C-alpha atoms as a PDB file:
ATOM      1  CA  MET A   1      34.945  12.105  60.286  1.00  0.00           C
ATOM      2  CA  SER A   2      36.599  10.446  58.054  1.00  0.00           C
ATOM      3  CA  LEU A   3      40.266   8.738  57.652  1.00  0.00           C
ATOM      4  CA  VAL A   4      42.487   9.751  54.828  1.00  0.00           C
ATOM      5  CA  ARG A   5      45.071   7.843  53.675  1.00  0.00           C
ATOM      6  CA  TRP A   6      48.304  10.055  53.581  1.00  0.00           C
ATOM      7  CA  ASP A   7      50.229   9.650  50.197  1.00  0.00           C
ATOM      8  CA  PRO A   8      53.866  11.500  50.146  1.00  0.00           C
ATOM      9  CA  PHE A   9      53.312  12.083  46.342  1.00  0.00           C
ATOM     10  CA  ASP A  10      50.657  14.303  46.724  1.00  0.00           C
ATOM     11  CA  GLU A  11      52.667  16.508  49.376  1.00  0.00           C
ATOM     12  CA  LEU A  12      55.391  16.430  46.556  1.00  0.00           C
ATOM     13  CA  ALA A  13      53.045  17.548  43.591  1.00  0.00           C
ATOM     14  CA  SER A  14      52.029  20.102  46.113  1.00  0.00           C
ATOM     15  CA  LEU A  15      55.777  21.997  46.672  1.00  0.00           C
ATOM     16  CA  ARG A  16      56.564  21.282  43.070  1.00  0.00           C
ATOM     17  CA  GLU A  17      53.243  23.192  42.117  1.00  0.00           C
ATOM     18  CA  ARG A  18      54.643  26.431  44.866  1.00  0.00           C
ATOM     19  CA  VAL A  19      57.622  26.012  43.184  1.00  0.00           C
ATOM     20  CA  ASN A  20      56.687  26.428  40.148  1.00  0.00           C
ATOM     21  CA  ARG A  21      54.600  29.581  40.907  1.00  0.00           C
ATOM     22  CA  LEU A  22      57.112  31.271  42.846  1.00  0.00           C
ATOM     23  CA  PHE A  23      59.954  31.032  39.741  1.00  0.00           C
ATOM     24  CA  ASN A  24      56.969  32.403  37.454  1.00  0.00           C
ATOM     25  CA  GLU A  25      55.924  35.194  39.632  1.00  0.00           C
ATOM     26  CA  THR A  26      60.176  35.811  40.142  1.00  0.00           C
ATOM     27  CA  LEU A  27      60.695  35.192  36.308  1.00  0.00           C
ATOM     28  CA  GLY A  28      57.562  35.585  34.580  1.00  0.00           C
ATOM     29  CA  GLU A  29      56.510  32.827  32.196  1.00  0.00           C
ATOM     30  CA  SER A  30      59.810  33.653  29.837  1.00  0.00           C
ATOM     31  CA  GLY A  31      62.035  32.177  32.392  1.00  0.00           C
ATOM     32  CA  VAL A  32      64.061  35.501  31.852  1.00  0.00           C
ATOM     33  CA  ALA A  33      64.540  37.628  34.579  1.00  0.00           C
ATOM     34  CA  PRO A  34      63.031  41.071  33.902  1.00  0.00           C
ATOM     35  CA  LEU A  35      65.066  44.447  33.909  1.00  0.00           C
ATOM     36  CA  ARG A  36      65.196  45.804  37.417  1.00  0.00           C
ATOM     37  CA  SER A  37      66.714  48.585  39.461  1.00  0.00           C
ATOM     38  CA  TRP A  38      69.520  47.937  41.228  1.00  0.00           C
ATOM     39  CA  ARG A  39      70.439  48.974  45.155  1.00  0.00           C
ATOM     40  CA  PRO A  40      73.719  49.291  46.065  1.00  0.00           C
ATOM     41  CA  ALA A  41      75.147  47.111  48.739  1.00  0.00           C
ATOM     42  CA  CYS A  42      75.518  49.144  52.213  1.00  0.00           C
ATOM     43  CA  ASP A  43      76.930  48.855  55.465  1.00  0.00           C
ATOM     44  CA  ILE A  44      75.999  51.075  58.407  1.00  0.00           C
ATOM     45  CA  LYS A  45      78.098  51.462  61.613  1.00  0.00           C
ATOM     46  CA  GLU A  46      77.221  53.585  64.915  1.00  0.00           C
ATOM     47  CA  THR A  47      79.925  54.599  67.178  1.00  0.00           C
ATOM     48  CA  ASP A  48      79.726  57.047  70.598  1.00  0.00           C
ATOM     49  CA  SER A  49      80.313  60.112  68.315  1.00  0.00           C
ATOM     50  CA  GLU A  50      79.376  59.329  64.310  1.00  0.00           C
ATOM     51  CA  VAL A  51      77.557  57.231  61.892  1.00  0.00           C
ATOM     52  CA  ILE A  52      79.474  55.914  59.100  1.00  0.00           C
ATOM     53  CA  ILE A  53      77.929  54.691  55.734  1.00  0.00           C
ATOM     54  CA  THR A  54      79.642  52.674  53.618  1.00  0.00           C
ATOM     55  CA  ALA A  55      78.088  51.571  49.893  1.00  0.00           C
ATOM     56  CA  ASP A  56      79.518  49.779  46.793  1.00  0.00           C
ATOM     57  CA  LEU A  57      79.283  51.893  44.110  1.00  0.00           C
ATOM     58  CA  PRO A  58      81.420  50.144  41.494  1.00  0.00           C
ATOM     59  CA  GLY A  59      81.899  51.648  37.751  1.00  0.00           C
ATOM     60  CA  LEU A  60      80.413  55.071  38.987  1.00  0.00           C
ATOM     61  CA  THR A  61      82.307  58.491  39.260  1.00  0.00           C
ATOM     62  CA  LYS A  62      81.493  60.953  41.807  1.00  0.00           C
ATOM     63  CA  ASP A  63      79.320  62.854  39.459  1.00  0.00           C
ATOM     64  CA  ASP A  64      76.727  60.164  39.124  1.00  0.00           C
ATOM     65  CA  ILE A  65      76.044  59.913  42.746  1.00  0.00           C
ATOM     66  CA  THR A  66      73.966  62.420  45.115  1.00  0.00           C
ATOM     67  CA  VAL A  67      74.060  62.281  49.009  1.00  0.00           C
ATOM     68  CA  GLU A  68      71.399  64.247  50.467  1.00  0.00           C
ATOM     69  CA  VAL A  69      70.089  64.791  54.505  1.00  0.00           C
ATOM     70  CA  ASN A  70      67.132  66.257  55.500  1.00  0.00           C
ATOM     71  CA  GLY A  71      66.313  65.936  59.078  1.00  0.00           C
ATOM     72  CA  ASP A  72      67.176  62.801  60.340  1.00  0.00           C
ATOM     73  CA  VAL A  73      67.115  61.201  56.571  1.00  0.00           C
ATOM     74  CA  LEU A  74      70.046  60.351  54.389  1.00  0.00           C
ATOM     75  CA  THR A  75      69.200  59.892  50.831  1.00  0.00           C
ATOM     76  CA  LEU A  76      71.928  58.161  48.631  1.00  0.00           C
ATOM     77  CA  SER A  77      70.987  58.184  44.506  1.00  0.00           C
ATOM     78  CA  GLY A  78      72.294  57.972  41.365  1.00  0.00           C
ATOM     79  CA  GLU A  79      72.328  56.274  38.267  1.00  0.00           C
ATOM     80  CA  ARG A  80      74.808  53.666  36.289  1.00  0.00           C
ATOM     81  CA  LYS A  81      74.281  54.030  32.740  1.00  0.00           C
ATOM     82  CA  HIS A  82      74.388  51.415  30.552  1.00  0.00           C
ATOM     83  CA  GLU A  83      77.565  51.158  28.386  1.00  0.00           C
ATOM     84  CA  ALA A  84      76.488  50.734  24.735  1.00  0.00           C
ATOM     85  CA  GLU A  85      76.827  47.031  23.442  1.00  0.00           C
ATOM     86  CA  ASP A  86      79.353  46.253  21.495  1.00  0.00           C
ATOM     87  CA  LYS A  87      77.452  43.801  18.302  1.00  0.00           C
ATOM     88  CA  LYS A  88      81.022  42.825  17.581  1.00  0.00           C
ATOM     89  CA  GLU A  89      81.600  41.531  21.330  1.00  0.00           C
ATOM     90  CA  GLY A  90      79.547  38.700  20.989  1.00  0.00           C
ATOM     91  CA  TYR A  91      77.407  39.222  24.655  1.00  0.00           C
ATOM     92  CA  HIS A  92      75.912  35.922  25.541  1.00  0.00           C
ATOM     93  CA  ARG A  93      74.833  37.365  28.999  1.00  0.00           C
ATOM     94  CA  ILE A  94      74.363  40.655  30.683  1.00  0.00           C
ATOM     95  CA  GLU A  95      73.922  40.362  34.301  1.00  0.00           C
ATOM     96  CA  ARG A  96      74.820  43.480  35.868  1.00  0.00           C
ATOM     97  CA  ALA A  97      72.326  45.631  36.544  1.00  0.00           C
ATOM     98  CA  TYR A  98      71.954  49.452  35.167  1.00  0.00           C
ATOM     99  CA  GLY A  99      69.558  52.116  35.930  1.00  0.00           C
ATOM    100  CA  ARG A 100      68.639  54.698  38.680  1.00  0.00           C
ATOM    101  CA  PHE A 101      68.945  53.558  42.584  1.00  0.00           C
ATOM    102  CA  GLN A 102      68.014  55.625  45.405  1.00  0.00           C
ATOM    103  CA  ARG A 103      68.961  54.243  49.327  1.00  0.00           C
ATOM    104  CA  THR A 104      67.109  56.074  52.127  1.00  0.00           C
ATOM    105  CA  PHE A 105      68.472  55.653  56.059  1.00  0.00           C
ATOM    106  CA  SER A 106      66.908  57.094  58.890  1.00  0.00           C
ATOM    107  CA  LEU A 107      69.865  57.957  60.844  1.00  0.00           C
ATOM    108  CA  GLY A 108      67.755  57.842  64.349  1.00  0.00           C
ATOM    109  CA  THR A 109      70.266  60.565  65.936  1.00  0.00           C
ATOM    110  CA  GLU A 110      70.742  64.262  65.573  1.00  0.00           C
ATOM    111  CA  VAL A 111      73.930  64.815  63.323  1.00  0.00           C
ATOM    112  CA  ASN A 112      76.206  67.687  62.304  1.00  0.00           C
ATOM    113  CA  LEU A 113      75.171  68.709  59.100  1.00  0.00           C
ATOM    114  CA  ASP A 114      78.560  71.350  58.552  1.00  0.00           C
ATOM    115  CA  ALA A 115      81.110  68.141  59.739  1.00  0.00           C
ATOM    116  CA  ILE A 116      79.381  65.661  57.080  1.00  0.00           C
ATOM    117  CA  LYS A 117      82.063  64.452  54.947  1.00  0.00           C
ATOM    118  CA  ALA A 118      81.635  62.131  51.767  1.00  0.00           C
ATOM    119  CA  VAL A 119      84.629  60.002  50.343  1.00  0.00           C
ATOM    120  CA  PHE A 120      84.426  58.234  47.194  1.00  0.00           C
ATOM    121  CA  LYS A 121      87.511  55.914  46.177  1.00  0.00           C
ATOM    122  CA  ASP A 122      87.935  53.000  44.321  1.00  0.00           C
ATOM    123  CA  GLY A 123      84.295  52.443  43.510  1.00  0.00           C
ATOM    124  CA  VAL A 124      83.400  52.702  47.761  1.00  0.00           C
ATOM    125  CA  LEU A 125      81.414  55.357  49.106  1.00  0.00           C
ATOM    126  CA  THR A 126      82.166  56.345  52.755  1.00  0.00           C
ATOM    127  CA  ILE A 127      79.840  58.989  54.702  1.00  0.00           C
ATOM    128  CA  THR A 128      81.322  60.291  57.885  1.00  0.00           C
ATOM    129  CA  LEU A 129      78.210  62.001  59.960  1.00  0.00           C
ATOM    130  CA  PRO A 130      79.288  63.004  63.406  1.00  0.00           C
ATOM    131  CA  LYS A 131      76.956  63.020  66.119  1.00  0.00           C
ATOM    132  CA  SER A 132      75.364  66.625  67.300  1.00  0.00           C
ATOM    133  CA  GLU A 133      77.134  67.334  70.827  1.00  0.00           C
ATOM    134  CA  ALA A 134      73.549  67.031  72.380  1.00  0.00           C
ATOM    135  CA  VAL A 135      73.428  63.421  71.529  1.00  0.00           C
ATOM    136  CA  LYS A 136      76.642  62.230  72.272  1.00  0.00           C
ATOM    137  CA  PRO A 137      77.168  60.014  75.737  1.00  0.00           C
ATOM    138  CA  LYS A 138      78.591  62.080  78.291  1.00  0.00           C
ATOM    139  CA  GLN A 139      80.141  60.689  81.505  1.00  0.00           C
ATOM    140  CA  ILE A 140      79.519  62.237  84.429  1.00  0.00           C
ATOM    141  CA  PRO A 141      82.186  62.736  87.045  1.00  0.00           C
ATOM    142  CA  ILE A 142      81.284  61.135  90.405  1.00  0.00           C
ATOM    143  CA  ASP A 143      82.347  63.206  93.594  1.00  0.00           C
ATOM    144  CA  VAL A 144      83.315  61.436  96.358  1.00  0.00           C
ATOM    145  CA  ALA A 145      81.730  62.843  99.823  1.00  0.00           C
END
């Protein structure tokens, strides 16, 4: 076994190569982010009686969104259409993502399909999924003997 002298600059060069590789994989050789699909941000909350999913969908209308439940899987999908680019406006950068999206959530519990409600207000979709009576917690009274 031989001793090898440690050089901290070799470590920095290796780190630089790894960071460059990460950026090239993410942005490509051009350095510009590729067009990508977008995924709306969602919050999921579960209580004893229901599951509530809240999704941020700015710029969409209720006609742009589809909510489906199949078994214990909820699928939220839709499309945000790209606005026609106005050459007179002089865009320098377009960062907002456009296109189709789909989010799938495994509910993990049985829900009452007839009582599901979806409310869309101010770009926020709130889906309330009441749990089935069979899976709701039930408190058992204790008798004194």
